Amino acid sequence: MSTPGTRTRTRKSPHERSAEIHSAAVDIARENGLSALTLRAVAARAGVAPGLVAHYADSMDDLVARAFRELVASELEQVRAEVALVEDPPARLARMIATVLASDHDDITLVWVDAWSLGRGSAALGAAIDEQMGAWQAFISGIIEDGRAGGLFRTDAPEAVAWQILAMIDGISAHALTRGTDAAAFAMRLAQACETLVGTEPGAIVARLAR
């Protein structure tokens, strides 16, 4: 029985506690990157003892991989929703470029940069990286295929071209983050490169960047 001035403690279910710890990990990763995810940091953010984090997480590698997967999958869904607002494939590529190079994606860029480094030593994170990069490639490839079907794009290798475009986006974003520059400043050059890669008329994608 509680008395005035005392606090009644509520025991949380294993599911609630696990979700709380995962949420803390995601918040830390979003703010400071995957490299900031340590047992003590997650415990402090969740307000629990480090031993409890170890109890509810299969391993720190798994916790890091789960945080990575949630953050980057959420970014892709946001980009999909933004791209869906326009119809023709050149405009969709333009909208994708403008969206992913915007400054409000810097936090996810940091997550990706950390993942590429940490993933070499973590099978769980490595698998999550492959999965999410594959999802991005499939998304871009789908836009290119739509352009080919409509006679707007003439490439014969949509899947390979999608990988090239993804690599350029990643490279520009990573360099901008490291150098402290604005990735959006390279949007036009990236759009011009995409026009060549997908085989469309010069200016077809660039002209739609400002729309």
N, C-alpha and C. Protein backbone atom coordinates (compact mmCIF):
# COMPACT_ATOMS: atom_id res chain seq x y z
N MET A 1 0.84 -1.21 0.00
CA MET A 1 0.00 0.00 0.00
C MET A 1 0.87 1.25 0.00
N SER A 2 0.54 2.17 -0.90
CA SER A 2 1.34 3.39 -0.97
C SER A 2 0.81 4.42 0.00
N THR A 3 1.68 5.31 0.42
CA THR A 3 1.31 6.39 1.32
C THR A 3 1.58 7.70 0.61
N PRO A 4 1.00 8.81 1.10
CA PRO A 4 1.23 10.10 0.46
C PRO A 4 2.72 10.40 0.35
N GLY A 5 3.15 10.85 -0.82
CA GLY A 5 4.55 11.19 -0.99
C GLY A 5 5.39 10.05 -1.52
N THR A 6 4.79 8.85 -1.60
CA THR A 6 5.56 7.72 -2.14
C THR A 6 5.08 7.44 -3.56
N ARG A 7 5.92 6.79 -4.37
CA ARG A 7 5.60 6.50 -5.76
C ARG A 7 5.35 5.01 -5.92
N THR A 8 4.25 4.68 -6.55
CA THR A 8 3.95 3.28 -6.80
C THR A 8 4.66 2.82 -8.06
N ARG A 9 5.49 1.80 -7.93
CA ARG A 9 6.23 1.29 -9.07
C ARG A 9 5.38 0.32 -9.88
N THR A 10 5.45 0.48 -11.19
CA THR A 10 4.71 -0.40 -12.07
C THR A 10 5.69 -1.33 -12.78
N ARG A 11 5.49 -2.61 -12.62
CA ARG A 11 6.38 -3.57 -13.27
C ARG A 11 6.01 -3.64 -14.75
N LYS A 12 6.98 -3.44 -15.60
CA LYS A 12 6.72 -3.48 -17.04
C LYS A 12 6.88 -4.89 -17.57
N SER A 13 6.09 -5.20 -18.57
CA SER A 13 6.17 -6.53 -19.19
C SER A 13 7.48 -6.64 -19.97
N PRO A 14 7.94 -7.86 -20.23
CA PRO A 14 9.15 -8.03 -21.05
C PRO A 14 9.04 -7.33 -22.40
N HIS A 15 7.86 -7.38 -23.01
CA HIS A 15 7.67 -6.73 -24.31
C HIS A 15 7.83 -5.22 -24.18
N GLU A 16 7.25 -4.63 -23.15
CA GLU A 16 7.35 -3.19 -22.93
C GLU A 16 8.79 -2.77 -22.67
N ARG A 17 9.48 -3.56 -21.85
CA ARG A 17 10.86 -3.23 -21.51
C ARG A 17 11.76 -3.35 -22.74
N SER A 18 11.55 -4.40 -23.52
CA SER A 18 12.34 -4.59 -24.73
C SER A 18 12.13 -3.44 -25.71
N ALA A 19 10.86 -3.03 -25.87
CA ALA A 19 10.53 -1.93 -26.77
C ALA A 19 11.15 -0.63 -26.28
N GLU A 20 11.17 -0.43 -24.99
CA GLU A 20 11.75 0.77 -24.38
C GLU A 20 13.25 0.84 -24.66
N ILE A 21 13.92 -0.28 -24.53
CA ILE A 21 15.37 -0.34 -24.77
C ILE A 21 15.67 -0.12 -26.25
N HIS A 22 14.87 -0.73 -27.12
CA HIS A 22 15.06 -0.54 -28.55
C HIS A 22 14.84 0.91 -28.94
N SER A 23 13.81 1.53 -28.38
CA SER A 23 13.52 2.94 -28.67
C SER A 23 14.68 3.82 -28.23
N ALA A 24 15.27 3.52 -27.10
CA ALA A 24 16.42 4.29 -26.61
C ALA A 24 17.59 4.16 -27.58
N ALA A 25 17.81 2.96 -28.08
CA ALA A 25 18.90 2.73 -29.03
C ALA A 25 18.67 3.51 -30.32
N VAL A 26 17.45 3.51 -30.81
CA VAL A 26 17.12 4.24 -32.04
C VAL A 26 17.34 5.74 -31.85
N ASP A 27 16.92 6.26 -30.71
CA ASP A 27 17.08 7.69 -30.44
C ASP A 27 18.56 8.09 -30.41
N ILE A 28 19.37 7.28 -29.77
CA ILE A 28 20.81 7.57 -29.69
C ILE A 28 21.43 7.53 -31.08
N ALA A 29 21.09 6.50 -31.85
CA ALA A 29 21.64 6.36 -33.21
C ALA A 29 21.24 7.52 -34.09
N ARG A 30 19.99 7.97 -33.98
CA ARG A 30 19.51 9.09 -34.79
C ARG A 30 20.27 10.37 -34.44
N GLU A 31 20.55 10.55 -33.18
CA GLU A 31 21.18 11.79 -32.72
C GLU A 31 22.70 11.80 -32.92
N ASN A 32 23.33 10.64 -32.68
CA ASN A 32 24.80 10.61 -32.65
C ASN A 32 25.45 9.52 -33.49
N GLY A 33 24.65 8.77 -34.25
CA GLY A 33 25.22 7.72 -35.07
C GLY A 33 25.30 6.38 -34.37
N LEU A 34 25.54 5.34 -35.14
CA LEU A 34 25.60 3.99 -34.58
C LEU A 34 26.80 3.80 -33.66
N SER A 35 27.87 4.54 -33.90
CA SER A 35 29.07 4.38 -33.08
C SER A 35 28.84 4.80 -31.63
N ALA A 36 27.77 5.57 -31.40
CA ALA A 36 27.47 6.02 -30.04
C ALA A 36 26.67 4.98 -29.25
N LEU A 37 26.28 3.90 -29.91
CA LEU A 37 25.48 2.87 -29.25
C LEU A 37 26.37 1.95 -28.42
N THR A 38 26.35 2.16 -27.13
CA THR A 38 27.06 1.29 -26.19
C THR A 38 26.07 0.79 -25.15
N LEU A 39 26.45 -0.24 -24.45
CA LEU A 39 25.58 -0.80 -23.42
C LEU A 39 25.21 0.27 -22.39
N ARG A 40 26.19 1.01 -21.93
CA ARG A 40 25.94 2.03 -20.91
C ARG A 40 25.11 3.19 -21.45
N ALA A 41 25.37 3.58 -22.69
CA ALA A 41 24.62 4.70 -23.27
C ALA A 41 23.14 4.35 -23.41
N VAL A 42 22.86 3.14 -23.88
CA VAL A 42 21.46 2.71 -24.04
C VAL A 42 20.79 2.60 -22.67
N ALA A 43 21.51 2.05 -21.72
CA ALA A 43 20.95 1.90 -20.37
C ALA A 43 20.62 3.26 -19.77
N ALA A 44 21.53 4.22 -19.93
CA ALA A 44 21.30 5.56 -19.38
C ALA A 44 20.10 6.22 -20.04
N ARG A 45 19.97 6.07 -21.36
CA ARG A 45 18.85 6.69 -22.07
C ARG A 45 17.53 6.04 -21.67
N ALA A 46 17.54 4.72 -21.47
CA ALA A 46 16.32 4.00 -21.10
C ALA A 46 16.02 4.10 -19.61
N GLY A 47 17.01 4.56 -18.83
CA GLY A 47 16.81 4.67 -17.38
C GLY A 47 16.81 3.34 -16.67
N VAL A 48 17.64 2.40 -17.17
CA VAL A 48 17.72 1.08 -16.56
C VAL A 48 19.18 0.73 -16.32
N ALA A 49 19.42 -0.36 -15.62
CA ALA A 49 20.78 -0.83 -15.37
C ALA A 49 21.34 -1.48 -16.64
N PRO A 50 22.64 -1.37 -16.89
CA PRO A 50 23.24 -2.01 -18.06
C PRO A 50 22.93 -3.49 -18.16
N GLY A 51 22.85 -4.16 -17.01
CA GLY A 51 22.55 -5.58 -17.01
C GLY A 51 21.18 -5.89 -17.60
N LEU A 52 20.26 -4.95 -17.44
CA LEU A 52 18.91 -5.17 -17.97
C LEU A 52 18.92 -5.05 -19.50
N VAL A 53 19.74 -4.16 -20.03
CA VAL A 53 19.87 -4.06 -21.48
C VAL A 53 20.43 -5.36 -22.03
N ALA A 54 21.46 -5.88 -21.36
CA ALA A 54 22.07 -7.14 -21.79
C ALA A 54 21.08 -8.29 -21.71
N HIS A 55 20.17 -8.20 -20.75
CA HIS A 55 19.17 -9.27 -20.58
C HIS A 55 18.15 -9.27 -21.71
N TYR A 56 17.71 -8.08 -22.12
CA TYR A 56 16.64 -7.99 -23.12
C TYR A 56 17.15 -7.94 -24.56
N ALA A 57 18.40 -7.60 -24.77
CA ALA A 57 18.97 -7.58 -26.12
C ALA A 57 19.80 -8.84 -26.30
N ASP A 58 19.59 -9.54 -27.41
CA ASP A 58 20.35 -10.75 -27.67
C ASP A 58 21.84 -10.46 -27.64
N SER A 59 22.23 -9.32 -28.20
CA SER A 59 23.61 -8.86 -28.18
C SER A 59 23.60 -7.40 -28.61
N MET A 60 24.70 -6.68 -28.36
CA MET A 60 24.77 -5.30 -28.82
C MET A 60 24.78 -5.24 -30.34
N ASP A 61 25.39 -6.24 -30.98
CA ASP A 61 25.39 -6.28 -32.44
C ASP A 61 23.97 -6.32 -32.98
N ASP A 62 23.13 -7.14 -32.37
CA ASP A 62 21.74 -7.24 -32.81
C ASP A 62 20.97 -5.95 -32.54
N LEU A 63 21.26 -5.33 -31.40
CA LEU A 63 20.58 -4.08 -31.05
C LEU A 63 20.96 -2.98 -32.03
N VAL A 64 22.24 -2.91 -32.38
CA VAL A 64 22.71 -1.93 -33.35
C VAL A 64 22.07 -2.18 -34.72
N ALA A 65 22.02 -3.44 -35.12
CA ALA A 65 21.44 -3.80 -36.43
C ALA A 65 19.96 -3.44 -36.48
N ARG A 66 19.24 -3.68 -35.39
CA ARG A 66 17.82 -3.35 -35.34
C ARG A 66 17.60 -1.85 -35.43
N ALA A 67 18.42 -1.07 -34.73
CA ALA A 67 18.30 0.38 -34.75
C ALA A 67 18.59 0.90 -36.17
N PHE A 68 19.63 0.36 -36.78
CA PHE A 68 19.97 0.75 -38.15
C PHE A 68 18.83 0.46 -39.10
N ARG A 69 18.31 -0.76 -39.02
CA ARG A 69 17.24 -1.18 -39.94
C ARG A 69 16.01 -0.28 -39.80
N GLU A 70 15.64 0.04 -38.57
CA GLU A 70 14.44 0.87 -38.38
C GLU A 70 14.64 2.27 -38.93
N LEU A 71 15.80 2.85 -38.68
CA LEU A 71 16.05 4.22 -39.12
C LEU A 71 16.11 4.34 -40.64
N VAL A 72 16.86 3.46 -41.29
CA VAL A 72 17.01 3.60 -42.74
C VAL A 72 15.77 3.13 -43.49
N ALA A 73 15.06 2.15 -42.94
CA ALA A 73 13.81 1.72 -43.59
C ALA A 73 12.78 2.84 -43.50
N SER A 74 12.77 3.54 -42.38
CA SER A 74 11.85 4.66 -42.22
C SER A 74 12.18 5.77 -43.20
N GLU A 75 13.48 6.02 -43.43
CA GLU A 75 13.88 7.04 -44.40
C GLU A 75 13.38 6.67 -45.79
N LEU A 76 13.56 5.41 -46.18
CA LEU A 76 13.13 4.98 -47.50
C LEU A 76 11.62 5.15 -47.67
N GLU A 77 10.86 4.84 -46.64
CA GLU A 77 9.41 5.00 -46.72
C GLU A 77 9.04 6.47 -46.89
N GLN A 78 9.77 7.34 -46.23
CA GLN A 78 9.52 8.78 -46.37
C GLN A 78 9.83 9.25 -47.78
N VAL A 79 10.93 8.74 -48.34
CA VAL A 79 11.30 9.12 -49.70
C VAL A 79 10.27 8.57 -50.70
N ARG A 80 9.83 7.34 -50.49
CA ARG A 80 8.80 6.75 -51.35
C ARG A 80 7.55 7.62 -51.37
N ALA A 81 7.14 8.07 -50.19
CA ALA A 81 5.93 8.90 -50.09
C ALA A 81 6.11 10.23 -50.82
N GLU A 82 7.31 10.81 -50.70
CA GLU A 82 7.59 12.07 -51.36
C GLU A 82 7.61 11.89 -52.87
N VAL A 83 8.24 10.83 -53.35
CA VAL A 83 8.34 10.57 -54.78
C VAL A 83 6.98 10.26 -55.39
N ALA A 84 6.11 9.65 -54.60
CA ALA A 84 4.78 9.28 -55.09
C ALA A 84 3.91 10.50 -55.39
N LEU A 85 4.35 11.67 -54.96
CA LEU A 85 3.57 12.89 -55.19
C LEU A 85 3.65 13.37 -56.63
N VAL A 86 4.64 12.86 -57.37
CA VAL A 86 4.78 13.22 -58.79
C VAL A 86 4.63 11.96 -59.63
N GLU A 87 4.28 12.13 -60.90
CA GLU A 87 3.91 10.97 -61.70
C GLU A 87 4.97 10.46 -62.66
N ASP A 88 5.50 11.31 -63.52
CA ASP A 88 6.39 10.77 -64.56
C ASP A 88 7.76 10.44 -63.99
N PRO A 89 8.43 9.40 -64.51
CA PRO A 89 9.71 8.93 -63.98
C PRO A 89 10.81 9.99 -63.88
N PRO A 90 10.99 10.89 -64.88
CA PRO A 90 12.02 11.92 -64.70
C PRO A 90 11.76 12.80 -63.48
N ALA A 91 10.49 13.14 -63.27
CA ALA A 91 10.14 13.96 -62.11
C ALA A 91 10.34 13.19 -60.81
N ARG A 92 10.09 11.89 -60.85
CA ARG A 92 10.27 11.07 -59.66
C ARG A 92 11.74 10.96 -59.28
N LEU A 93 12.62 10.80 -60.29
CA LEU A 93 14.06 10.78 -59.99
C LEU A 93 14.52 12.14 -59.46
N ALA A 94 13.98 13.21 -60.03
CA ALA A 94 14.34 14.55 -59.56
C ALA A 94 13.90 14.75 -58.12
N ARG A 95 12.70 14.31 -57.80
CA ARG A 95 12.19 14.46 -56.43
C ARG A 95 13.00 13.61 -55.45
N MET A 96 13.39 12.43 -55.89
CA MET A 96 14.21 11.58 -55.03
C MET A 96 15.55 12.24 -54.74
N ILE A 97 16.19 12.77 -55.77
CA ILE A 97 17.49 13.43 -55.61
C ILE A 97 17.38 14.60 -54.65
N ALA A 98 16.40 15.46 -54.86
CA ALA A 98 16.22 16.64 -54.01
C ALA A 98 15.95 16.24 -52.56
N THR A 99 15.21 15.16 -52.39
CA THR A 99 14.84 14.73 -51.03
C THR A 99 16.02 14.14 -50.28
N VAL A 100 16.74 13.23 -50.90
CA VAL A 100 17.82 12.54 -50.17
C VAL A 100 19.04 13.43 -49.94
N LEU A 101 19.21 14.47 -50.77
CA LEU A 101 20.35 15.37 -50.57
C LEU A 101 20.02 16.56 -49.68
N ALA A 102 18.80 16.63 -49.19
CA ALA A 102 18.40 17.73 -48.30
C ALA A 102 19.11 17.61 -46.95
N SER A 103 19.32 18.73 -46.30
CA SER A 103 20.07 18.76 -45.04
C SER A 103 19.38 17.99 -43.92
N ASP A 104 18.05 17.83 -44.00
CA ASP A 104 17.37 17.11 -42.92
C ASP A 104 17.58 15.61 -42.99
N HIS A 105 18.40 15.15 -43.95
CA HIS A 105 18.75 13.74 -44.03
C HIS A 105 20.17 13.48 -43.52
N ASP A 106 20.81 14.51 -42.96
CA ASP A 106 22.17 14.35 -42.48
C ASP A 106 22.28 13.31 -41.36
N ASP A 107 21.25 13.24 -40.51
CA ASP A 107 21.31 12.28 -39.42
C ASP A 107 21.33 10.84 -39.94
N ILE A 108 20.57 10.58 -40.99
CA ILE A 108 20.55 9.23 -41.55
C ILE A 108 21.84 8.95 -42.33
N THR A 109 22.40 9.99 -42.93
CA THR A 109 23.69 9.82 -43.60
C THR A 109 24.75 9.37 -42.59
N LEU A 110 24.75 9.96 -41.41
CA LEU A 110 25.69 9.56 -40.36
C LEU A 110 25.48 8.11 -39.96
N VAL A 111 24.23 7.69 -39.90
CA VAL A 111 23.92 6.30 -39.57
C VAL A 111 24.50 5.36 -40.63
N TRP A 112 24.33 5.73 -41.90
CA TRP A 112 24.87 4.91 -42.99
C TRP A 112 26.39 4.86 -42.94
N VAL A 113 27.04 6.01 -42.74
CA VAL A 113 28.50 6.06 -42.71
C VAL A 113 29.04 5.17 -41.59
N ASP A 114 28.44 5.26 -40.43
CA ASP A 114 28.85 4.41 -39.31
C ASP A 114 28.62 2.93 -39.64
N ALA A 115 27.49 2.65 -40.28
CA ALA A 115 27.15 1.25 -40.59
C ALA A 115 28.17 0.63 -41.53
N TRP A 116 28.61 1.37 -42.55
CA TRP A 116 29.59 0.82 -43.49
C TRP A 116 30.88 0.46 -42.79
N SER A 117 31.23 1.22 -41.77
CA SER A 117 32.46 0.93 -41.03
C SER A 117 32.25 -0.22 -40.04
N LEU A 118 31.21 -0.12 -39.24
CA LEU A 118 30.97 -1.12 -38.20
C LEU A 118 30.51 -2.46 -38.77
N GLY A 119 29.88 -2.41 -39.94
CA GLY A 119 29.33 -3.64 -40.52
C GLY A 119 30.37 -4.68 -40.88
N ARG A 120 31.62 -4.25 -41.06
CA ARG A 120 32.67 -5.21 -41.39
C ARG A 120 32.93 -6.19 -40.24
N GLY A 121 32.63 -5.76 -39.03
CA GLY A 121 32.89 -6.62 -37.88
C GLY A 121 31.64 -7.19 -37.24
N SER A 122 30.49 -7.02 -37.89
CA SER A 122 29.23 -7.49 -37.33
C SER A 122 28.40 -8.16 -38.40
N ALA A 123 28.18 -9.46 -38.25
CA ALA A 123 27.38 -10.20 -39.23
C ALA A 123 25.95 -9.69 -39.25
N ALA A 124 25.40 -9.36 -38.08
CA ALA A 124 24.02 -8.88 -37.99
C ALA A 124 23.86 -7.55 -38.71
N LEU A 125 24.79 -6.63 -38.48
CA LEU A 125 24.71 -5.32 -39.13
C LEU A 125 25.00 -5.46 -40.62
N GLY A 126 25.96 -6.32 -40.97
CA GLY A 126 26.26 -6.53 -42.38
C GLY A 126 25.05 -7.02 -43.15
N ALA A 127 24.30 -7.94 -42.55
CA ALA A 127 23.10 -8.46 -43.21
C ALA A 127 22.04 -7.37 -43.35
N ALA A 128 21.92 -6.53 -42.33
CA ALA A 128 20.94 -5.43 -42.39
C ALA A 128 21.32 -4.42 -43.46
N ILE A 129 22.61 -4.17 -43.62
CA ILE A 129 23.07 -3.24 -44.65
C ILE A 129 22.74 -3.78 -46.03
N ASP A 130 23.04 -5.06 -46.26
CA ASP A 130 22.72 -5.68 -47.56
C ASP A 130 21.23 -5.59 -47.85
N GLU A 131 20.43 -5.85 -46.84
CA GLU A 131 18.98 -5.81 -47.00
C GLU A 131 18.48 -4.43 -47.38
N GLN A 132 18.96 -3.42 -46.66
CA GLN A 132 18.47 -2.06 -46.90
C GLN A 132 19.02 -1.46 -48.18
N MET A 133 20.27 -1.78 -48.52
CA MET A 133 20.80 -1.31 -49.80
C MET A 133 20.05 -1.97 -50.95
N GLY A 134 19.69 -3.23 -50.78
CA GLY A 134 18.89 -3.91 -51.80
C GLY A 134 17.53 -3.27 -51.97
N ALA A 135 16.92 -2.83 -50.86
CA ALA A 135 15.62 -2.18 -50.93
C ALA A 135 15.72 -0.85 -51.67
N TRP A 136 16.78 -0.10 -51.42
CA TRP A 136 16.99 1.17 -52.12
C TRP A 136 17.22 0.93 -53.61
N GLN A 137 18.05 -0.07 -53.92
CA GLN A 137 18.32 -0.37 -55.32
C GLN A 137 17.05 -0.76 -56.06
N ALA A 138 16.22 -1.57 -55.42
CA ALA A 138 14.96 -2.00 -56.04
C ALA A 138 14.03 -0.81 -56.25
N PHE A 139 14.02 0.11 -55.32
CA PHE A 139 13.18 1.31 -55.44
C PHE A 139 13.60 2.15 -56.64
N ILE A 140 14.89 2.41 -56.76
CA ILE A 140 15.39 3.22 -57.87
C ILE A 140 15.20 2.48 -59.19
N SER A 141 15.48 1.18 -59.18
CA SER A 141 15.31 0.36 -60.38
C SER A 141 13.86 0.39 -60.86
N GLY A 142 12.93 0.40 -59.92
CA GLY A 142 11.51 0.45 -60.29
C GLY A 142 11.16 1.73 -61.03
N ILE A 143 11.73 2.86 -60.60
CA ILE A 143 11.48 4.13 -61.29
C ILE A 143 12.04 4.07 -62.71
N ILE A 144 13.23 3.50 -62.83
CA ILE A 144 13.86 3.40 -64.14
C ILE A 144 13.05 2.49 -65.07
N GLU A 145 12.56 1.38 -64.53
CA GLU A 145 11.75 0.46 -65.33
C GLU A 145 10.48 1.15 -65.82
N ASP A 146 9.88 1.96 -64.98
CA ASP A 146 8.69 2.71 -65.39
C ASP A 146 9.03 3.67 -66.52
N GLY A 147 10.21 4.28 -66.45
CA GLY A 147 10.63 5.19 -67.50
C GLY A 147 10.88 4.46 -68.81
N ARG A 148 11.42 3.27 -68.72
CA ARG A 148 11.63 2.47 -69.93
C ARG A 148 10.30 2.06 -70.55
N ALA A 149 9.36 1.67 -69.70
CA ALA A 149 8.04 1.24 -70.20
C ALA A 149 7.32 2.38 -70.90
N GLY A 150 7.56 3.60 -70.44
CA GLY A 150 6.90 4.75 -71.05
C GLY A 150 7.69 5.38 -72.19
N GLY A 151 8.83 4.76 -72.54
CA GLY A 151 9.64 5.28 -73.64
C GLY A 151 10.45 6.51 -73.30
N LEU A 152 10.57 6.83 -71.99
CA LEU A 152 11.30 8.03 -71.57
C LEU A 152 12.76 7.73 -71.27
N PHE A 153 13.05 6.50 -70.86
CA PHE A 153 14.42 6.08 -70.56
C PHE A 153 14.82 4.97 -71.53
N ARG A 154 16.10 4.96 -71.91
CA ARG A 154 16.53 4.00 -72.92
C ARG A 154 17.64 3.06 -72.44
N THR A 155 17.92 3.02 -71.17
CA THR A 155 18.96 2.13 -70.68
C THR A 155 18.52 0.66 -70.80
N ASP A 156 19.49 -0.21 -71.09
CA ASP A 156 19.21 -1.65 -71.15
C ASP A 156 19.62 -2.36 -69.86
N ALA A 157 20.11 -1.60 -68.89
CA ALA A 157 20.59 -2.21 -67.65
C ALA A 157 20.05 -1.44 -66.44
N PRO A 158 18.73 -1.46 -66.25
CA PRO A 158 18.13 -0.67 -65.16
C PRO A 158 18.64 -1.03 -63.77
N GLU A 159 18.89 -2.31 -63.52
CA GLU A 159 19.35 -2.71 -62.20
C GLU A 159 20.76 -2.20 -61.93
N ALA A 160 21.65 -2.33 -62.92
CA ALA A 160 23.02 -1.85 -62.76
C ALA A 160 23.05 -0.33 -62.62
N VAL A 161 22.24 0.35 -63.42
CA VAL A 161 22.17 1.81 -63.36
C VAL A 161 21.65 2.26 -61.99
N ALA A 162 20.71 1.52 -61.44
CA ALA A 162 20.18 1.86 -60.12
C ALA A 162 21.29 1.78 -59.07
N TRP A 163 22.14 0.77 -59.17
CA TRP A 163 23.27 0.65 -58.24
C TRP A 163 24.21 1.85 -58.39
N GLN A 164 24.46 2.27 -59.63
CA GLN A 164 25.35 3.41 -59.87
C GLN A 164 24.77 4.69 -59.27
N ILE A 165 23.49 4.89 -59.47
CA ILE A 165 22.84 6.09 -58.92
C ILE A 165 22.90 6.07 -57.40
N LEU A 166 22.62 4.90 -56.81
CA LEU A 166 22.67 4.78 -55.36
C LEU A 166 24.07 5.07 -54.83
N ALA A 167 25.09 4.57 -55.53
CA ALA A 167 26.47 4.80 -55.12
C ALA A 167 26.81 6.29 -55.18
N MET A 168 26.32 6.98 -56.19
CA MET A 168 26.58 8.41 -56.30
C MET A 168 25.90 9.18 -55.17
N ILE A 169 24.68 8.80 -54.86
CA ILE A 169 23.97 9.46 -53.76
C ILE A 169 24.72 9.26 -52.46
N ASP A 170 25.12 8.02 -52.20
CA ASP A 170 25.84 7.72 -50.97
C ASP A 170 27.16 8.48 -50.89
N GLY A 171 27.88 8.52 -52.02
CA GLY A 171 29.17 9.21 -52.03
C GLY A 171 29.04 10.70 -51.80
N ILE A 172 28.09 11.32 -52.47
CA ILE A 172 27.87 12.76 -52.30
C ILE A 172 27.47 13.07 -50.86
N SER A 173 26.54 12.28 -50.33
CA SER A 173 26.06 12.52 -48.96
C SER A 173 27.17 12.34 -47.93
N ALA A 174 27.95 11.27 -48.09
CA ALA A 174 29.03 11.00 -47.14
C ALA A 174 30.11 12.07 -47.20
N HIS A 175 30.48 12.49 -48.41
CA HIS A 175 31.51 13.53 -48.55
C HIS A 175 31.02 14.85 -47.96
N ALA A 176 29.78 15.20 -48.23
CA ALA A 176 29.23 16.45 -47.71
C ALA A 176 29.20 16.45 -46.19
N LEU A 177 28.82 15.31 -45.61
CA LEU A 177 28.78 15.20 -44.15
C LEU A 177 30.17 15.35 -43.56
N THR A 178 31.15 14.68 -44.17
CA THR A 178 32.52 14.70 -43.66
C THR A 178 33.16 16.08 -43.80
N ARG A 179 32.88 16.74 -44.93
CA ARG A 179 33.50 18.04 -45.20
C ARG A 179 32.70 19.20 -44.64
N GLY A 180 31.49 18.93 -44.16
CA GLY A 180 30.65 19.99 -43.63
C GLY A 180 30.09 20.89 -44.70
N THR A 181 29.85 20.32 -45.89
CA THR A 181 29.28 21.10 -46.99
C THR A 181 27.82 20.71 -47.21
N ASP A 182 27.19 21.38 -48.15
CA ASP A 182 25.77 21.15 -48.43
C ASP A 182 25.62 20.16 -49.59
N ALA A 183 25.11 18.98 -49.30
CA ALA A 183 24.95 17.96 -50.34
C ALA A 183 23.99 18.43 -51.44
N ALA A 184 23.03 19.26 -51.08
CA ALA A 184 22.04 19.74 -52.05
C ALA A 184 22.69 20.55 -53.18
N ALA A 185 23.88 21.09 -52.92
CA ALA A 185 24.57 21.87 -53.94
C ALA A 185 24.98 21.01 -55.14
N PHE A 186 25.00 19.70 -54.94
CA PHE A 186 25.41 18.79 -56.01
C PHE A 186 24.21 18.14 -56.70
N ALA A 187 23.01 18.59 -56.37
CA ALA A 187 21.81 17.97 -56.92
C ALA A 187 21.76 18.07 -58.45
N MET A 188 22.10 19.23 -58.99
CA MET A 188 22.03 19.40 -60.44
C MET A 188 23.03 18.49 -61.16
N ARG A 189 24.25 18.41 -60.63
CA ARG A 189 25.26 17.55 -61.26
C ARG A 189 24.82 16.08 -61.20
N LEU A 190 24.24 15.69 -60.09
CA LEU A 190 23.76 14.32 -59.96
C LEU A 190 22.63 14.06 -60.94
N ALA A 191 21.73 15.02 -61.08
CA ALA A 191 20.62 14.88 -62.02
C ALA A 191 21.14 14.75 -63.45
N GLN A 192 22.16 15.53 -63.80
CA GLN A 192 22.75 15.44 -65.14
C GLN A 192 23.37 14.06 -65.38
N ALA A 193 24.05 13.54 -64.37
CA ALA A 193 24.64 12.21 -64.49
C ALA A 193 23.55 11.15 -64.65
N CYS A 194 22.47 11.31 -63.92
CA CYS A 194 21.36 10.36 -64.01
C CYS A 194 20.72 10.39 -65.41
N GLU A 195 20.64 11.56 -66.00
CA GLU A 195 20.08 11.66 -67.35
C GLU A 195 20.89 10.81 -68.33
N THR A 196 22.20 10.86 -68.20
CA THR A 196 23.06 10.05 -69.08
C THR A 196 22.90 8.57 -68.77
N LEU A 197 22.86 8.22 -67.52
CA LEU A 197 22.79 6.81 -67.13
C LEU A 197 21.48 6.15 -67.55
N VAL A 198 20.36 6.85 -67.39
CA VAL A 198 19.07 6.24 -67.73
C VAL A 198 18.75 6.39 -69.21
N GLY A 199 19.52 7.24 -69.91
CA GLY A 199 19.29 7.42 -71.34
C GLY A 199 18.08 8.26 -71.67
N THR A 200 18.02 9.44 -71.08
CA THR A 200 16.91 10.35 -71.38
C THR A 200 17.45 11.65 -71.94
N GLU A 201 16.57 12.53 -72.38
CA GLU A 201 16.98 13.77 -73.00
C GLU A 201 17.68 14.69 -71.99
N PRO A 202 18.72 15.40 -72.42
CA PRO A 202 19.39 16.36 -71.54
C PRO A 202 18.39 17.37 -70.97
N GLY A 203 18.43 17.55 -69.68
CA GLY A 203 17.52 18.50 -69.03
C GLY A 203 16.22 17.88 -68.56
N ALA A 204 15.96 16.63 -68.93
CA ALA A 204 14.68 16.02 -68.57
C ALA A 204 14.50 15.88 -67.07
N ILE A 205 15.59 15.59 -66.36
CA ILE A 205 15.52 15.45 -64.91
C ILE A 205 15.90 16.78 -64.23
N VAL A 206 16.93 17.44 -64.75
CA VAL A 206 17.37 18.71 -64.17
C VAL A 206 16.24 19.72 -64.13
N ALA A 207 15.46 19.80 -65.21
CA ALA A 207 14.39 20.79 -65.30
C ALA A 207 13.33 20.60 -64.23
N ARG A 208 13.24 19.40 -63.70
CA ARG A 208 12.20 19.08 -62.72
C ARG A 208 12.68 19.23 -61.28
N LEU A 209 13.95 19.53 -61.09
CA LEU A 209 14.47 19.69 -59.73
C LEU A 209 13.80 20.84 -58.98
N ALA A 210 13.51 21.93 -59.67
CA ALA A 210 12.95 23.11 -59.02
C ALA A 210 11.44 23.07 -58.91
N ARG A 211 10.81 22.03 -59.42
CA ARG A 211 9.34 22.01 -59.40
C ARG A 211 8.81 21.51 -58.07
